[in-house]
PDB file of N, CA and C in Angstrom:
ATOM      1  N   MET A   1       0.950  -1.483  -0.168  1.00  0.00           N
ATOM      2  CA  MET A   1       0.178   0.288   0.045  1.00  0.00           C
ATOM      3  C   MET A   1       1.069   0.933  -0.475  1.00  0.00           C
ATOM      4  N   LEU A   2       0.015   2.348  -0.589  1.00  0.00           N
ATOM      5  CA  LEU A   2       0.930   3.395  -0.854  1.00  0.00           C
ATOM      6  C   LEU A   2       0.819   4.063   1.111  1.00  0.00           C
ATOM      7  N   PHE A   3       2.114   5.072   1.096  1.00  0.00           N
ATOM      8  CA  PHE A   3       2.153   5.637   2.059  1.00  0.00           C
ATOM      9  C   PHE A   3       0.968   6.800   2.063  1.00  0.00           C
ATOM     10  N   GLU A   4       1.020   7.301   1.009  1.00  0.00           N
ATOM     11  CA  GLU A   4      -0.146   8.468   1.594  1.00  0.00           C
ATOM     12  C   GLU A   4      -1.622   7.886   1.799  1.00  0.00           C
ATOM     13  N   LYS A   5      -1.875   5.975   1.378  1.00  0.00           N
ATOM     14  CA  LYS A   5      -3.218   5.471   0.733  1.00  0.00           C
ATOM     15  C   LYS A   5      -3.701   5.066   2.007  1.00  0.00           C
ATOM     16  N   LYS A   6      -2.041   4.845   3.186  1.00  0.00           N
ATOM     17  CA  LYS A   6      -1.613   3.659   4.274  1.00  0.00           C
ATOM     18  C   LYS A   6      -2.274   5.213   5.497  1.00  0.00           C
ATOM     19  N   ILE A   7      -1.691   6.083   5.405  1.00  0.00           N
ATOM     20  CA  ILE A   7      -1.899   7.041   6.532  1.00  0.00           C
ATOM     21  C   ILE A   7      -3.024   8.289   6.388  1.00  0.00           C
ATOM     22  N   ARG A   8      -3.650   7.933   5.153  1.00  0.00           N
ATOM     23  CA  ARG A   8      -5.539   8.074   5.163  1.00  0.00           C
ATOM     24  C   ARG A   8      -6.521   7.130   5.852  1.00  0.00           C
ATOM     25  N   GLU A   9      -6.238   5.780   5.817  1.00  0.00           N
ATOM     26  CA  GLU A   9      -6.346   5.073   5.907  1.00  0.00           C
ATOM     27  C   GLU A   9      -6.274   4.569   7.619  1.00  0.00           C
ATOM     28  N   LEU A  10      -5.178   5.070   7.815  1.00  0.00           N
ATOM     29  CA  LEU A  10      -5.060   4.832   9.321  1.00  0.00           C
ATOM     30  C   LEU A  10      -5.652   6.413   9.475  1.00  0.00           C
ATOM     31  N   ARG A  11      -5.854   6.942   9.595  1.00  0.00           N
ATOM     32  CA  ARG A  11      -6.182   8.082   9.602  1.00  0.00           C
ATOM     33  C   ARG A  11      -7.192   8.009  10.359  1.00  0.00           C
ATOM     34  N   ASP A  12      -8.102   7.838   9.126  1.00  0.00           N
ATOM     35  CA  ASP A  12     -10.085   7.849   9.287  1.00  0.00           C
ATOM     36  C   ASP A  12     -10.180   6.183  10.202  1.00  0.00           C
ATOM     37  N   GLU A  13      -9.561   5.945   9.980  1.00  0.00           N
ATOM     38  CA  GLU A  13      -9.774   3.863  11.242  1.00  0.00           C
ATOM     39  C   GLU A  13      -9.656   4.220  12.089  1.00  0.00           C
ATOM     40  N   ASN A  14      -8.969   5.745  13.064  1.00  0.00           N
ATOM     41  CA  ASN A  14      -8.577   6.035  14.351  1.00  0.00           C
ATOM     42  C   ASN A  14      -9.341   7.363  14.333  1.00  0.00           C
ATOM     43  N   GLY A  15     -10.224   8.220  13.720  1.00  0.00           N
ATOM     44  CA  GLY A  15     -11.185   9.239  13.850  1.00  0.00           C
ATOM     45  C   GLY A  15      -9.965  10.647  14.198  1.00  0.00           C
ATOM     46  N   ILE A  16      -8.870  10.504  13.119  1.00  0.00           N
ATOM     47  CA  ILE A  16      -8.312  12.063  13.215  1.00  0.00           C
ATOM     48  C   ILE A  16      -8.034  12.608  12.975  1.00  0.00           C
ATOM     49  N   LEU A  17      -8.124  13.965  12.458  1.00  0.00           N
ATOM     50  CA  LEU A  17      -8.458  14.747  12.129  1.00  0.00           C
ATOM     51  C   LEU A  17      -7.189  15.449  11.333  1.00  0.00           C
ATOM     52  N   GLN A  18      -6.563  15.450   9.860  1.00  0.00           N
ATOM     53  CA  GLN A  18      -5.397  15.592   9.180  1.00  0.00           C
ATOM     54  C   GLN A  18      -5.245  17.196  10.364  1.00  0.00           C
ATOM     55  N   ARG A  19      -5.607  17.834  10.643  1.00  0.00           N
ATOM     56  CA  ARG A  19      -5.127  18.911  11.610  1.00  0.00           C
ATOM     57  C   ARG A  19      -4.261  18.802  12.508  1.00  0.00           C
ATOM     58  N   GLN A  20      -5.129  17.774  13.280  1.00  0.00           N
ATOM     59  CA  GLN A  20      -3.915  16.906  14.385  1.00  0.00           C
ATOM     60  C   GLN A  20      -3.118  16.432  14.034  1.00  0.00           C
ATOM     61  N   LEU A  21      -2.835  15.753  13.104  1.00  0.00           N
ATOM     62  CA  LEU A  21      -1.708  15.835  12.440  1.00  0.00           C
ATOM     63  C   LEU A  21      -1.433  16.336  12.148  1.00  0.00           C
ATOM     64  N   ALA A  22      -1.405  17.587  11.547  1.00  0.00           N
ATOM     65  CA  ALA A  22      -0.424  18.446  10.814  1.00  0.00           C
ATOM     66  C   ALA A  22       0.141  19.481  12.149  1.00  0.00           C
ATOM     67  N   ALA A  23      -0.378  19.516  13.501  1.00  0.00           N
ATOM     68  CA  ALA A  23       0.049  19.417  14.577  1.00  0.00           C
ATOM     69  C   ALA A  23       1.247  18.170  14.788  1.00  0.00           C
ATOM     70  N   LEU A  24       1.419  17.311  14.890  1.00  0.00           N
ATOM     71  CA  LEU A  24       2.051  16.136  15.117  1.00  0.00           C
ATOM     72  C   LEU A  24       3.117  16.763  15.015  1.00  0.00           C
ATOM     73  N   LEU A  25       3.207  16.621  13.025  1.00  0.00           N
ATOM     74  CA  LEU A  25       4.829  16.892  12.571  1.00  0.00           C
ATOM     75  C   LEU A  25       5.413  18.059  12.709  1.00  0.00           C
ATOM     76  N   GLU A  26       4.204  19.303  13.211  1.00  0.00           N
ATOM     77  CA  GLU A  26       4.684  20.667  12.909  1.00  0.00           C
ATOM     78  C   GLU A  26       4.606  21.823  11.608  1.00  0.00           C
ATOM     79  N   ILE A  27       3.557  21.234  10.965  1.00  0.00           N
ATOM     80  CA  ILE A  27       3.288  21.809   9.714  1.00  0.00           C
ATOM     81  C   ILE A  27       2.440  22.469   9.528  1.00  0.00           C
ATOM     82  N   ASP A  28       1.538  22.669   8.614  1.00  0.00           N
ATOM     83  CA  ASP A  28       0.524  23.386   8.274  1.00  0.00           C
ATOM     84  C   ASP A  28      -0.710  22.644   8.041  1.00  0.00           C
ATOM     85  N   THR A  29      -1.858  22.669   7.993  1.00  0.00           N
ATOM     86  CA  THR A  29      -2.842  21.615   6.954  1.00  0.00           C
ATOM     87  C   THR A  29      -2.746  20.902   6.143  1.00  0.00           C
ATOM     88  N   PRO A  30      -2.832  22.154   5.047  1.00  0.00           N
ATOM     89  CA  PRO A  30      -2.612  21.712   3.388  1.00  0.00           C
ATOM     90  C   PRO A  30      -1.393  21.433   2.957  1.00  0.00           C
ATOM     91  N   MET A  31      -0.023  21.502   4.050  1.00  0.00           N
ATOM     92  CA  MET A  31       1.014  21.035   3.507  1.00  0.00           C
ATOM     93  C   MET A  31       0.816  19.695   3.514  1.00  0.00           C
ATOM     94  N   PHE A  32       0.360  19.356   5.029  1.00  0.00           N
ATOM     95  CA  PHE A  32      -0.246  17.456   5.587  1.00  0.00           C
ATOM     96  C   PHE A  32      -1.378  17.090   4.147  1.00  0.00           C
ATOM     97  N   SER A  33      -2.030  17.375   3.655  1.00  0.00           N
ATOM     98  CA  SER A  33      -3.000  17.325   2.736  1.00  0.00           C
ATOM     99  C   SER A  33      -2.410  16.430   1.190  1.00  0.00           C
ATOM    100  N   LYS A  34      -1.270  17.886   0.925  1.00  0.00           N
ATOM    101  CA  LYS A  34      -0.733  16.868   0.163  1.00  0.00           C
ATOM    102  C   LYS A  34       0.197  16.148   0.409  1.00  0.00           C
ATOM    103  N   ILE A  35       0.646  15.674   1.250  1.00  0.00           N
ATOM    104  CA  ILE A  35       1.362  14.695   1.741  1.00  0.00           C
ATOM    105  C   ILE A  35       0.303  13.015   1.542  1.00  0.00           C
ATOM    106  N   GLU A  36      -0.583  13.760   2.266  1.00  0.00           N
ATOM    107  CA  GLU A  36      -1.895  12.372   2.415  1.00  0.00           C
ATOM    108  C   GLU A  36      -2.423  12.260   0.874  1.00  0.00           C
ATOM    109  N   ARG A  37      -1.842  13.101  -0.177  1.00  0.00           N
ATOM    110  CA  ARG A  37      -3.064  13.105  -1.610  1.00  0.00           C
ATOM    111  C   ARG A  37      -2.245  12.660  -2.515  1.00  0.00           C
ATOM    112  N   GLY A  38      -0.482  12.892  -2.042  1.00  0.00           N
ATOM    113  CA  GLY A  38       0.715  12.195  -2.850  1.00  0.00           C
ATOM    114  C   GLY A  38       1.793  13.582  -3.606  1.00  0.00           C
ATOM    115  N   ASP A  39       0.510  14.283  -3.401  1.00  0.00           N
ATOM    116  CA  ASP A  39       1.668  15.787  -4.164  1.00  0.00           C
ATOM    117  C   ASP A  39       3.030  16.108  -3.841  1.00  0.00           C
ATOM    118  N   ARG A  40       2.925  15.879  -2.259  1.00  0.00           N
ATOM    119  CA  ARG A  40       4.807  15.858  -1.837  1.00  0.00           C
ATOM    120  C   ARG A  40       4.816  15.080  -1.142  1.00  0.00           C
ATOM    121  N   ARG A  41       5.928  14.887  -0.864  1.00  0.00           N
ATOM    122  CA  ARG A  41       6.458  13.316  -0.504  1.00  0.00           C
ATOM    123  C   ARG A  41       7.114  14.294   1.310  1.00  0.00           C
ATOM    124  N   ALA A  42       6.502  13.234   2.254  1.00  0.00           N
ATOM    125  CA  ALA A  42       6.997  13.837   4.069  1.00  0.00           C
ATOM    126  C   ALA A  42       8.542  13.753   4.288  1.00  0.00           C
ATOM    127  N   LYS A  43       9.423  14.232   4.763  1.00  0.00           N
ATOM    128  CA  LYS A  43      10.570  14.281   5.058  1.00  0.00           C
ATOM    129  C   LYS A  43      10.737  12.692   6.199  1.00  0.00           C
ATOM    130  N   ARG A  44      11.465  11.857   5.492  1.00  0.00           N
ATOM    131  CA  ARG A  44      12.257  10.952   6.862  1.00  0.00           C
ATOM    132  C   ARG A  44      11.957  10.533   8.215  1.00  0.00           C
ATOM    133  N   GLU A  45      12.123  12.007   8.781  1.00  0.00           N
ATOM    134  CA  GLU A  45      11.819  12.406  10.328  1.00  0.00           C
ATOM    135  C   GLU A  45      10.264  12.352  10.248  1.00  0.00           C
ATOM    136  N   GLN A  46       9.376  13.104   8.985  1.00  0.00           N
ATOM    137  CA  GLN A  46       7.986  13.102   9.608  1.00  0.00           C
ATOM    138  C   GLN A  46       7.497  11.345   9.678  1.00  0.00           C
ATOM    139  N   VAL A  47       7.510  10.299   7.974  1.00  0.00           N
ATOM    140  CA  VAL A  47       6.908   9.244   8.413  1.00  0.00           C
ATOM    141  C   VAL A  47       7.464   8.166   9.751  1.00  0.00           C
ATOM    142  N   ILE A  48       8.635   8.808  10.551  1.00  0.00           N
ATOM    143  CA  ILE A  48       9.274   8.429  11.681  1.00  0.00           C
ATOM    144  C   ILE A  48       7.473   8.413  12.411  1.00  0.00           C
ATOM    145  N   LYS A  49       7.668   9.778  12.807  1.00  0.00           N
ATOM    146  CA  LYS A  49       7.224  10.640  13.689  1.00  0.00           C
ATOM    147  C   LYS A  49       5.358   9.507  13.697  1.00  0.00           C
ATOM    148  N   LEU A  50       5.027   9.274  12.918  1.00  0.00           N
ATOM    149  CA  LEU A  50       3.189   9.730  11.587  1.00  0.00           C
ATOM    150  C   LEU A  50       3.303   7.682  11.951  1.00  0.00           C
ATOM    151  N   ALA A  51       4.867   7.355  11.964  1.00  0.00           N
ATOM    152  CA  ALA A  51       5.323   5.724  12.669  1.00  0.00           C
ATOM    153  C   ALA A  51       5.084   5.493  14.415  1.00  0.00           C
ATOM    154  N   GLU A  52       6.100   5.829  14.655  1.00  0.00           N
ATOM    155  CA  GLU A  52       5.471   6.149  16.396  1.00  0.00           C
ATOM    156  C   GLU A  52       3.787   6.102  16.318  1.00  0.00           C
ATOM    157  N   TYR A  53       3.708   7.146  15.449  1.00  0.00           N
ATOM    158  CA  TYR A  53       2.383   7.706  16.442  1.00  0.00           C
ATOM    159  C   TYR A  53       1.040   6.730  16.271  1.00  0.00           C
ATOM    160  N   PHE A  54       1.147   5.808  14.843  1.00  0.00           N
ATOM    161  CA  PHE A  54       0.445   4.682  14.341  1.00  0.00           C
ATOM    162  C   PHE A  54       0.925   3.422  15.269  1.00  0.00           C
ATOM    163  N   HIS A  55       1.852   3.810  15.959  1.00  0.00           N
ATOM    164  CA  HIS A  55       2.721   1.997  15.923  1.00  0.00           C
ATOM    165  C   HIS A  55       2.476   1.307  14.912  1.00  0.00           C
ATOM    166  N   GLN A  56       3.266   1.571  13.366  1.00  0.00           N
ATOM    167  CA  GLN A  56       3.481   1.275  12.723  1.00  0.00           C
ATOM    168  C   GLN A  56       4.826   0.784  12.956  1.00  0.00           C
ATOM    169  N   ASP A  57       5.407   0.515  11.685  1.00  0.00           N
ATOM    170  CA  ASP A  57       7.241  -0.447  11.437  1.00  0.00           C
ATOM    171  C   ASP A  57       7.634   0.192  10.420  1.00  0.00           C
ATOM    172  N   GLU A  58       8.260   1.516  10.724  1.00  0.00           N
ATOM    173  CA  GLU A  58       8.206   2.749   9.165  1.00  0.00           C
ATOM    174  C   GLU A  58       8.537   1.925   8.283  1.00  0.00           C
ATOM    175  N   GLN A  59       8.844   0.396   7.304  1.00  0.00           N
ATOM    176  CA  GLN A  59       9.314  -0.185   6.671  1.00  0.00           C
ATOM    177  C   GLN A  59       8.082  -0.976   5.953  1.00  0.00           C
ATOM    178  N   SER A  60       6.962  -0.556   7.050  1.00  0.00           N
ATOM    179  CA  SER A  60       5.033  -1.298   5.795  1.00  0.00           C
ATOM    180  C   SER A  60       5.234   0.283   5.836  1.00  0.00           C
ATOM    181  N   GLN A  61       5.381   1.796   6.019  1.00  0.00           N
ATOM    182  CA  GLN A  61       4.651   2.440   5.261  1.00  0.00           C
ATOM    183  C   GLN A  61       5.165   3.007   4.076  1.00  0.00           C
ATOM    184  N   GLY A  62       5.659   2.453   3.464  1.00  0.00           N
ATOM    185  CA  GLY A  62       6.242   2.197   2.027  1.00  0.00           C
ATOM    186  C   GLY A  62       7.444   3.286   1.899  1.00  0.00           C
ATOM    187  N   ARG A  63       8.120   3.198   0.327  1.00  0.00           N
ATOM    188  CA  ARG A  63       9.248   3.543  -0.120  1.00  0.00           C
ATOM    189  C   ARG A  63       9.624   5.284  -0.137  1.00  0.00           C
ATOM    190  N   PHE A  64       9.727   5.924   0.558  1.00  0.00           N
ATOM    191  CA  PHE A  64       9.721   7.654   0.741  1.00  0.00           C
ATOM    192  C   PHE A  64      11.649   7.859   0.186  1.00  0.00           C
ATOM    193  N   SER A  65      12.501   7.506  -0.558  1.00  0.00           N
ATOM    194  CA  SER A  65      13.253   8.406  -0.724  1.00  0.00           C
ATOM    195  C   SER A  65      13.096   9.058  -2.102  1.00  0.00           C
TER     196      SER A  65
END
């Protein structure tokens, strides 16, 4: 599963708003929206934070280099 789809799926399953994850990543909501749509790549640090937040293995999130 692609990173952006996985993030959206986890966010929806857990009832979390984009703005909440944007705050976690210290970015604005439109920037997070672009990451979730696949219009922008997440930085490695952001991927790690999201993986930790959702208790996911970072490698299962997909490839982002």
